[in-house]
Amino acid sequence: MPEKTIYMDNAASTRLDKRVLDAMVPFFFDTYAVATSEFGYSMGIEAKEMLEEARVKVSKAMKGSPEELIFTSGDTESSNLALKGVAAALGTKKGKHIITSKIEDFPVLNSAKSLEKSGFKLTYLGVNGDGLIDLGELESAITPETILVSIQHANQEIGTVQDIEAIGSICHGKGTLFHTDATHTFTRLPIETDRMPVDLVTISGHTIHGPKGIGGLFVRKGTPLNKWMDGGYQEFNLRAGLENIPGAVGFAKAIELVTSEENERLKGIRDALIERFLKEITRTTLNGHRTKRIPQNANITFHSVEGESITLHMDMRGIEVSTGSACFSRSLEASHVLMGIGGNHERAHGSIRFSLGRFNDISEVDRVVEAMSEVVTRLRAISPLDKREDEA
């Protein structure tokens, strides 16, 4: 009988929790109407009530108010709305300068590049070897024309957690709005908008065993933000389009199911993976900060081996992991994150991300480490990179 597949690419997408599906099903088959006001028909009114109940639950998880949460189709739309919405609202009033980092995820990075083509001035902050920005550099970069700073809460590849409270304090001290992409930290680390100096926060359901195609943008009351997509008047007239009521209900349920005990368990698996990889496999490097990292991420470079070869061989052994290697992306470039922390192409191409979720277990560590050790040993034996290293 084949061994059970071990899935460790939960940063890309998570398996839907059956309890989330159960919560969503009635809104596909029973209460399937468009959300309508109290002057509409019964099914529409019920749909509207369930949408707003979900909004209350999701916003409560961020210590925010329901009227500060816009439901979106996911983190990509949320970050696009944050950057482009602020740019449209303030670009002709205050200035056209936006600051972000070089290692942001693509929704922020490519939104920034799009605005740059439209005449906005962008500053891309570098990071140190652990993936942290320099707070002094950030403060110096802010000018009277800076309308927004967008720095992620935690990195999608290496898991490094930024000090968003310090970043937000600097921004607010300079009169600048602050957006953070919390796709990989929401429910895994505390996000308390009632006390944290954040104006816009991106969140998503696909990383916490919720449905795909649902996310949200926290927008602090009074934050200048223009509508990005034209259409109807949904979501406080800031996000046009039919509301995804099953998705919103499922998102709220997914949040309810995440516990502090689960996060501690994931942290234990993460630490076991890191410790054993570094101890049992030679020429390995941990990418990202050792302690300032999300509980569900371990990113390791296995030197002298191509990441895509590792993933293919691990897949044949029933273990799913991911790499930032160019051959696994539509770009021909190595991971911008690994290059951003000072890595060379060899380090970037040999990096493997192990991202954990609810359905992973500590018992899987032995099999993953043993398989990785075997794969790396075999690939190094035939690797021209390894031979060049030996000759050097």
Protein backbone atom coordinates (compact mmCIF):
# COMPACT_ATOMS: atom_id res chain seq x y z
CA MET A 1 0.00 0.00 0.00
CA PRO A 2 1.49 3.42 -0.98
CA GLU A 3 2.49 5.72 1.84
CA LYS A 4 0.26 8.67 2.57
CA THR A 5 1.24 11.86 0.74
CA ILE A 6 2.91 14.44 2.97
CA TYR A 7 1.93 17.93 1.88
CA MET A 8 4.24 20.74 3.02
CA ASP A 9 3.32 23.57 0.65
CA ASN A 10 0.66 25.17 2.82
CA ALA A 11 1.96 28.68 2.16
CA ALA A 12 0.74 28.26 -1.41
CA SER A 13 -2.61 26.75 -0.53
CA THR A 14 -4.14 24.68 2.25
CA ARG A 15 -6.51 21.75 2.27
CA LEU A 16 -10.04 22.88 3.06
CA ASP A 17 -11.18 21.83 6.52
CA LYS A 18 -14.32 19.69 6.26
CA ARG A 19 -15.96 21.79 8.97
CA VAL A 20 -15.47 24.88 6.79
CA LEU A 21 -17.15 23.15 3.88
CA ASP A 22 -20.08 22.12 6.09
CA ALA A 23 -20.57 25.76 7.07
CA MET A 24 -20.51 26.87 3.42
CA VAL A 25 -22.83 24.26 1.85
CA PRO A 26 -26.18 25.90 2.85
CA PHE A 27 -25.18 29.05 0.96
CA PHE A 28 -24.80 27.11 -2.27
CA PHE A 29 -28.09 25.21 -2.09
CA ASP A 30 -30.47 26.87 0.40
CA THR A 31 -29.63 30.54 0.91
CA TYR A 32 -28.14 31.28 -2.50
CA ALA A 33 -29.62 34.70 -3.25
CA VAL A 34 -27.74 37.96 -3.68
CA ALA A 35 -27.37 39.86 -0.41
CA THR A 36 -30.14 42.47 -0.26
CA SER A 37 -31.25 45.13 2.20
CA GLU A 38 -34.13 44.90 4.62
CA PHE A 39 -36.38 46.05 1.78
CA GLY A 40 -35.60 43.00 -0.34
CA TYR A 41 -37.01 39.47 -0.32
CA SER A 42 -36.52 36.95 2.48
CA MET A 43 -33.70 34.84 1.02
CA GLY A 44 -31.72 37.95 0.07
CA ILE A 45 -32.19 39.44 3.52
CA GLU A 46 -30.97 36.22 5.13
CA ALA A 47 -27.96 36.17 2.80
CA LYS A 48 -27.16 39.75 3.77
CA GLU A 49 -27.43 38.90 7.46
CA MET A 50 -25.03 35.96 7.08
CA LEU A 51 -22.58 38.12 5.14
CA GLU A 52 -22.57 40.72 7.90
CA GLU A 53 -22.29 38.05 10.59
CA ALA A 54 -19.19 36.74 8.82
CA ARG A 55 -17.83 40.29 8.59
CA VAL A 56 -18.22 40.68 12.36
CA LYS A 57 -16.36 37.43 13.02
CA VAL A 58 -13.49 38.14 10.65
CA SER A 59 -13.01 41.73 11.84
CA LYS A 60 -13.17 40.62 15.48
CA ALA A 61 -10.20 38.30 14.85
CA MET A 62 -8.22 41.44 13.96
CA LYS A 63 -9.67 43.50 16.84
CA GLY A 64 -11.28 45.75 14.24
CA SER A 65 -14.78 47.02 13.52
CA PRO A 66 -17.03 45.36 10.91
CA GLU A 67 -17.28 48.56 8.89
CA GLU A 68 -13.48 48.51 8.55
CA LEU A 69 -13.41 45.17 6.68
CA ILE A 70 -13.86 44.86 2.93
CA PHE A 71 -14.30 41.33 1.60
CA THR A 72 -12.24 40.65 -1.53
CA SER A 73 -11.33 37.70 -3.73
CA GLY A 74 -8.07 37.15 -1.82
CA ASP A 75 -4.72 38.65 -0.95
CA THR A 76 -3.91 39.71 -4.52
CA GLU A 77 -6.99 41.88 -4.83
CA SER A 78 -6.62 43.21 -1.28
CA SER A 79 -3.06 44.44 -1.83
CA ASN A 80 -3.93 45.88 -5.24
CA LEU A 81 -6.80 47.79 -3.66
CA ALA A 82 -4.60 49.03 -0.83
CA LEU A 83 -1.80 50.40 -3.01
CA LYS A 84 -3.80 51.57 -6.01
CA GLY A 85 -6.71 52.82 -3.92
CA VAL A 86 -4.45 55.03 -1.77
CA ALA A 87 -2.53 56.17 -4.85
CA ALA A 88 -5.76 57.24 -6.53
CA ALA A 89 -7.01 58.99 -3.39
CA LEU A 90 -3.82 60.88 -2.50
CA GLY A 91 -1.71 60.98 -5.66
CA THR A 92 -3.01 64.36 -6.76
CA LYS A 93 -3.42 65.76 -3.25
CA LYS A 94 -0.35 64.94 -1.20
CA GLY A 95 2.29 63.32 -3.38
CA LYS A 96 3.29 60.40 -5.54
CA HIS A 97 5.88 58.64 -3.40
CA ILE A 98 5.39 55.08 -2.10
CA ILE A 99 7.84 52.93 -0.12
CA THR A 100 7.95 49.14 -0.05
CA SER A 101 10.62 46.44 0.29
CA LYS A 102 12.48 44.40 -2.29
CA ILE A 103 11.20 41.08 -0.90
CA GLU A 104 7.43 41.70 -0.86
CA ASP A 105 5.10 39.14 -2.36
CA PHE A 106 4.08 39.75 -5.97
CA PRO A 107 0.68 41.42 -5.33
CA VAL A 108 2.45 44.30 -3.56
CA LEU A 109 5.63 44.26 -5.64
CA ASN A 110 3.86 44.24 -9.00
CA SER A 111 1.25 46.78 -7.88
CA ALA A 112 4.14 49.05 -6.94
CA LYS A 113 5.80 48.51 -10.31
CA SER A 114 2.51 49.25 -12.08
CA LEU A 115 2.16 52.53 -10.19
CA GLU A 116 5.76 53.36 -11.02
CA LYS A 117 4.91 53.10 -14.71
CA SER A 118 2.02 55.50 -14.08
CA GLY A 119 4.29 58.21 -12.76
CA PHE A 120 4.61 57.37 -9.07
CA LYS A 121 8.03 57.38 -7.44
CA LEU A 122 8.84 54.11 -5.68
CA THR A 123 11.51 53.41 -3.08
CA TYR A 124 12.35 49.73 -2.64
CA LEU A 125 14.04 49.14 0.71
CA GLY A 126 16.70 46.44 0.96
CA VAL A 127 16.85 43.90 3.77
CA ASN A 128 19.62 42.32 5.81
CA GLY A 129 20.70 38.68 5.68
CA ASP A 130 17.76 37.64 7.85
CA GLY A 131 15.22 39.48 5.70
CA LEU A 132 14.59 42.44 8.01
CA ILE A 133 14.36 46.02 6.80
CA ASP A 134 16.45 48.76 8.43
CA LEU A 135 14.15 51.04 10.44
CA GLY A 136 16.56 53.93 10.13
CA GLU A 137 16.62 53.56 6.36
CA LEU A 138 12.82 53.55 6.32
CA GLU A 139 12.61 56.72 8.39
CA SER A 140 15.13 58.49 6.16
CA ALA A 141 13.24 57.44 3.02
CA ILE A 142 9.94 59.02 4.06
CA THR A 143 9.43 62.50 2.59
CA PRO A 144 6.52 65.00 2.76
CA GLU A 145 5.34 63.48 -0.56
CA THR A 146 5.24 59.90 0.77
CA ILE A 147 1.63 58.74 0.78
CA LEU A 148 2.05 55.07 1.71
CA VAL A 149 4.50 52.56 3.12
CA SER A 150 3.75 48.88 2.39
CA ILE A 151 5.85 46.35 4.30
CA GLN A 152 4.74 42.75 4.76
CA HIS A 153 4.14 41.33 8.23
CA ALA A 154 6.01 38.12 7.34
CA ASN A 155 7.73 36.97 4.19
CA GLN A 156 6.04 34.34 2.05
CA GLU A 157 9.23 32.40 1.31
CA ILE A 158 11.59 32.66 4.26
CA GLY A 159 9.05 33.37 7.01
CA THR A 160 10.85 36.36 8.56
CA VAL A 161 8.55 38.54 10.67
CA GLN A 162 8.96 42.32 10.46
CA ASP A 163 8.42 44.63 13.43
CA ILE A 164 5.24 46.17 12.09
CA GLU A 165 4.54 48.07 15.29
CA ALA A 166 7.85 49.92 14.99
CA ILE A 167 7.34 50.41 11.25
CA GLY A 168 3.82 51.75 11.77
CA SER A 169 4.97 54.11 14.51
CA ILE A 170 7.60 55.59 12.20
CA CYS A 171 5.03 56.01 9.42
CA HIS A 172 2.44 57.65 11.63
CA GLY A 173 5.07 59.87 13.18
CA LYS A 174 5.81 61.15 9.68
CA GLY A 175 2.15 61.47 8.68
CA THR A 176 2.26 58.53 6.26
CA LEU A 177 -0.21 55.67 5.84
CA PHE A 178 0.98 52.12 6.52
CA HIS A 179 -0.19 48.94 4.80
CA THR A 180 0.96 45.45 5.72
CA ASP A 181 0.39 42.17 3.91
CA ALA A 182 -0.56 39.75 6.68
CA THR A 183 -1.48 36.83 4.42
CA HIS A 184 0.93 34.48 6.20
CA THR A 185 0.51 35.78 9.75
CA PHE A 186 -3.24 36.27 10.13
CA THR A 187 -4.40 33.90 12.92
CA ARG A 188 -0.81 32.58 13.28
CA LEU A 189 0.51 35.72 15.03
CA PRO A 190 -1.46 38.42 16.87
CA ILE A 191 -2.85 41.20 14.67
CA GLU A 192 -4.64 43.71 16.85
CA THR A 193 -5.72 46.68 14.79
CA ASP A 194 -7.21 48.43 17.81
CA ARG A 195 -3.69 49.09 19.13
CA MET A 196 -1.29 48.48 16.24
CA PRO A 197 -0.37 51.49 14.07
CA VAL A 198 -1.65 49.99 10.81
CA ASP A 199 -4.05 51.61 8.35
CA LEU A 200 -4.56 48.80 5.85
CA VAL A 201 -4.07 45.05 6.34
CA THR A 202 -4.29 42.31 3.71
CA ILE A 203 -5.65 38.91 4.80
CA SER A 204 -6.72 35.75 2.96
CA GLY A 205 -8.58 32.51 3.60
CA HIS A 206 -6.53 30.17 1.43
CA THR A 207 -3.61 29.90 3.88
CA ILE A 208 -5.68 28.89 6.94
CA HIS A 209 -7.67 25.93 5.59
CA GLY A 210 -10.43 28.21 4.38
CA PRO A 211 -11.84 28.47 0.85
CA LYS A 212 -9.89 29.87 -2.06
CA GLY A 213 -11.19 33.06 -3.63
CA ILE A 214 -11.95 34.94 -0.42
CA GLY A 215 -9.90 37.47 1.50
CA GLY A 216 -10.19 40.84 3.06
CA LEU A 217 -8.71 44.28 3.45
CA PHE A 218 -8.84 46.05 6.79
CA VAL A 219 -9.21 49.77 6.15
CA ARG A 220 -9.00 51.93 9.24
CA LYS A 221 -11.86 54.39 9.51
CA GLY A 222 -10.91 57.66 7.83
CA THR A 223 -8.20 56.18 5.60
CA PRO A 224 -8.33 57.79 2.12
CA LEU A 225 -9.05 54.99 -0.35
CA ASN A 226 -10.61 55.12 -3.81
CA LYS A 227 -12.56 52.32 -5.42
CA TRP A 228 -10.35 50.23 -7.70
CA MET A 229 -12.91 48.20 -9.70
CA ASP A 230 -15.98 49.82 -11.23
CA GLY A 231 -19.39 48.19 -11.05
CA GLY A 232 -21.95 48.12 -8.29
CA TYR A 233 -21.93 49.62 -4.82
CA GLN A 234 -21.03 46.59 -2.72
CA GLU A 235 -18.60 46.57 0.22
CA PHE A 236 -19.20 50.16 1.33
CA ASN A 237 -18.89 51.21 -2.32
CA LEU A 238 -15.20 50.27 -2.27
CA ARG A 239 -15.29 46.86 -3.95
CA ALA A 240 -17.71 46.29 -6.82
CA GLY A 241 -18.95 42.80 -7.58
CA LEU A 242 -21.24 40.09 -6.31
CA GLU A 243 -20.39 39.19 -2.73
CA ASN A 244 -18.97 35.72 -2.17
CA ILE A 245 -21.27 34.77 0.68
CA PRO A 246 -20.26 31.08 0.93
CA GLY A 247 -16.63 32.19 0.88
CA ALA A 248 -17.15 34.81 3.59
CA VAL A 249 -18.97 32.31 5.81
CA GLY A 250 -16.22 29.75 5.21
CA PHE A 251 -13.51 32.31 5.93
CA ALA A 252 -15.12 33.14 9.27
CA LYS A 253 -15.37 29.45 10.15
CA ALA A 254 -11.73 28.83 9.19
CA ILE A 255 -10.62 31.61 11.52
CA GLU A 256 -12.66 30.14 14.37
CA LEU A 257 -10.89 26.79 13.98
CA VAL A 258 -7.33 28.11 14.35
CA THR A 259 -6.07 27.78 17.93
CA SER A 260 -2.96 28.80 19.83
CA GLU A 261 -2.35 25.10 20.52
CA GLU A 262 -2.27 24.42 16.79
CA ASN A 263 0.23 27.23 16.23
CA GLU A 264 2.49 25.87 18.98
CA ARG A 265 2.28 22.40 17.43
CA LEU A 266 3.30 23.77 14.02
CA LYS A 267 6.18 25.62 15.62
CA GLY A 268 7.37 22.35 17.14
CA ILE A 269 7.32 20.62 13.74
CA ARG A 270 9.09 23.59 12.16
CA ASP A 271 11.86 23.56 14.76
CA ALA A 272 12.33 19.80 14.45
CA LEU A 273 12.71 20.08 10.67
CA ILE A 274 15.22 22.93 10.92
CA GLU A 275 17.29 21.25 13.62
CA ARG A 276 17.50 17.92 11.85
CA PHE A 277 18.20 19.31 8.38
CA LEU A 278 21.06 21.44 9.66
CA LYS A 279 22.43 18.60 11.79
CA GLU A 280 22.00 15.61 9.49
CA ILE A 281 22.58 17.03 5.99
CA THR A 282 25.88 18.74 5.25
CA ARG A 283 26.15 22.10 3.51
CA THR A 284 22.73 23.40 4.42
CA THR A 285 21.73 26.98 5.25
CA LEU A 286 18.64 28.23 7.06
CA ASN A 287 17.04 31.11 5.18
CA GLY A 288 15.30 33.78 7.22
CA HIS A 289 15.55 34.78 10.86
CA ARG A 290 16.07 31.93 13.30
CA THR A 291 13.52 33.13 15.86
CA LYS A 292 11.61 36.02 14.25
CA ARG A 293 9.71 33.75 11.90
CA ILE A 294 6.18 32.47 11.49
CA PRO A 295 5.47 29.13 13.19
CA GLN A 296 4.65 27.28 9.98
CA ASN A 297 7.72 28.04 7.84
CA ALA A 298 11.15 26.45 7.37
CA ASN A 299 13.23 27.43 4.34
CA ILE A 300 16.51 25.62 3.77
CA THR A 301 19.14 25.85 1.03
CA PHE A 302 20.73 22.53 0.14
CA HIS A 303 23.92 23.68 -1.56
CA SER A 304 25.14 22.23 -4.86
CA VAL A 305 21.69 20.90 -5.80
CA GLU A 306 18.95 22.41 -7.97
CA GLY A 307 15.68 22.98 -6.14
CA GLU A 308 13.50 21.74 -8.99
CA SER A 309 15.36 18.43 -8.99
CA ILE A 310 14.77 18.08 -5.26
CA THR A 311 11.04 18.78 -5.57
CA LEU A 312 10.62 16.25 -8.37
CA HIS A 313 12.46 13.52 -6.48
CA MET A 314 10.56 14.30 -3.28
CA ASP A 315 7.31 14.18 -5.22
CA MET A 316 8.19 10.68 -6.41
CA ARG A 317 8.47 9.77 -2.74
CA GLY A 318 5.05 11.22 -1.96
CA ILE A 319 6.31 14.43 -0.33
CA GLU A 320 5.16 17.81 -1.67
CA VAL A 321 7.44 20.81 -1.08
CA SER A 322 8.21 23.94 -3.10
CA THR A 323 11.21 25.80 -4.45
CA GLY A 324 11.90 29.35 -5.54
CA SER A 325 13.90 28.03 -8.45
CA ALA A 326 13.33 29.69 -11.82
CA CYS A 327 12.23 26.50 -13.58
CA PHE A 328 9.21 26.31 -11.29
CA SER A 329 8.06 29.85 -12.06
CA ARG A 330 7.03 31.68 -15.20
CA SER A 331 9.96 33.99 -14.69
CA LEU A 332 13.50 33.11 -15.67
CA GLU A 333 14.84 34.77 -12.55
CA ALA A 334 15.89 33.21 -9.27
CA SER A 335 13.85 33.98 -6.17
CA HIS A 336 13.87 37.73 -5.57
CA VAL A 337 13.60 37.00 -1.84
CA LEU A 338 16.68 34.78 -1.65
CA MET A 339 18.63 37.21 -3.83
CA GLY A 340 17.35 40.07 -1.66
CA ILE A 341 18.84 38.63 1.53
CA GLY A 342 22.25 38.44 -0.09
CA GLY A 343 22.08 35.01 -1.64
CA ASN A 344 23.68 34.12 -4.95
CA HIS A 345 21.99 32.13 -7.73
CA GLU A 346 23.29 28.83 -6.36
CA ARG A 347 21.78 29.49 -2.94
CA ALA A 348 18.51 30.70 -4.42
CA HIS A 349 18.13 27.75 -6.77
CA GLY A 350 18.87 25.23 -4.02
CA SER A 351 16.29 26.58 -1.58
CA ILE A 352 13.32 24.50 -0.49
CA ARG A 353 10.35 25.84 1.47
CA PHE A 354 8.57 23.57 3.93
CA SER A 355 5.32 25.26 4.92
CA LEU A 356 3.13 23.53 7.46
CA GLY A 357 -0.58 23.28 8.11
CA ARG A 358 -3.22 21.68 10.29
CA PHE A 359 -2.91 18.26 8.68
CA ASN A 360 0.83 17.93 9.21
CA ASP A 361 2.11 15.95 12.18
CA ILE A 362 5.40 15.64 14.05
CA SER A 363 5.52 11.98 13.00
CA GLU A 364 6.13 13.11 9.40
CA VAL A 365 9.49 14.67 10.25
CA ASP A 366 11.43 11.38 10.16
CA ARG A 367 10.18 10.48 6.71
CA VAL A 368 10.77 13.96 5.28
CA VAL A 369 14.30 14.27 6.66
CA GLU A 370 15.28 10.76 5.61
CA ALA A 371 13.90 11.28 2.10
CA MET A 372 15.60 14.65 1.77
CA SER A 373 18.93 13.23 2.93
CA GLU A 374 18.72 10.46 0.35
CA VAL A 375 17.67 12.80 -2.46
CA VAL A 376 20.34 15.41 -1.74
CA THR A 377 23.07 12.76 -1.49
CA ARG A 378 22.08 11.23 -4.84
CA LEU A 379 21.75 14.57 -6.62
CA ARG A 380 25.06 15.86 -5.31
CA ALA A 381 26.77 12.75 -6.64
CA ILE A 382 25.82 13.75 -10.20
CA SER A 383 25.79 17.53 -9.77
CA PRO A 384 28.29 19.66 -11.72
CA LEU A 385 27.81 22.28 -9.01
CA ASP A 386 29.08 19.80 -6.43
CA LYS A 387 32.08 18.89 -8.55
CA ARG A 388 33.01 22.55 -8.99
CA GLU A 389 32.79 23.04 -5.24
CA ASP A 390 35.08 20.03 -4.63
CA GLU A 391 37.64 21.33 -7.13
CA ALA A 392 37.60 24.75 -5.50
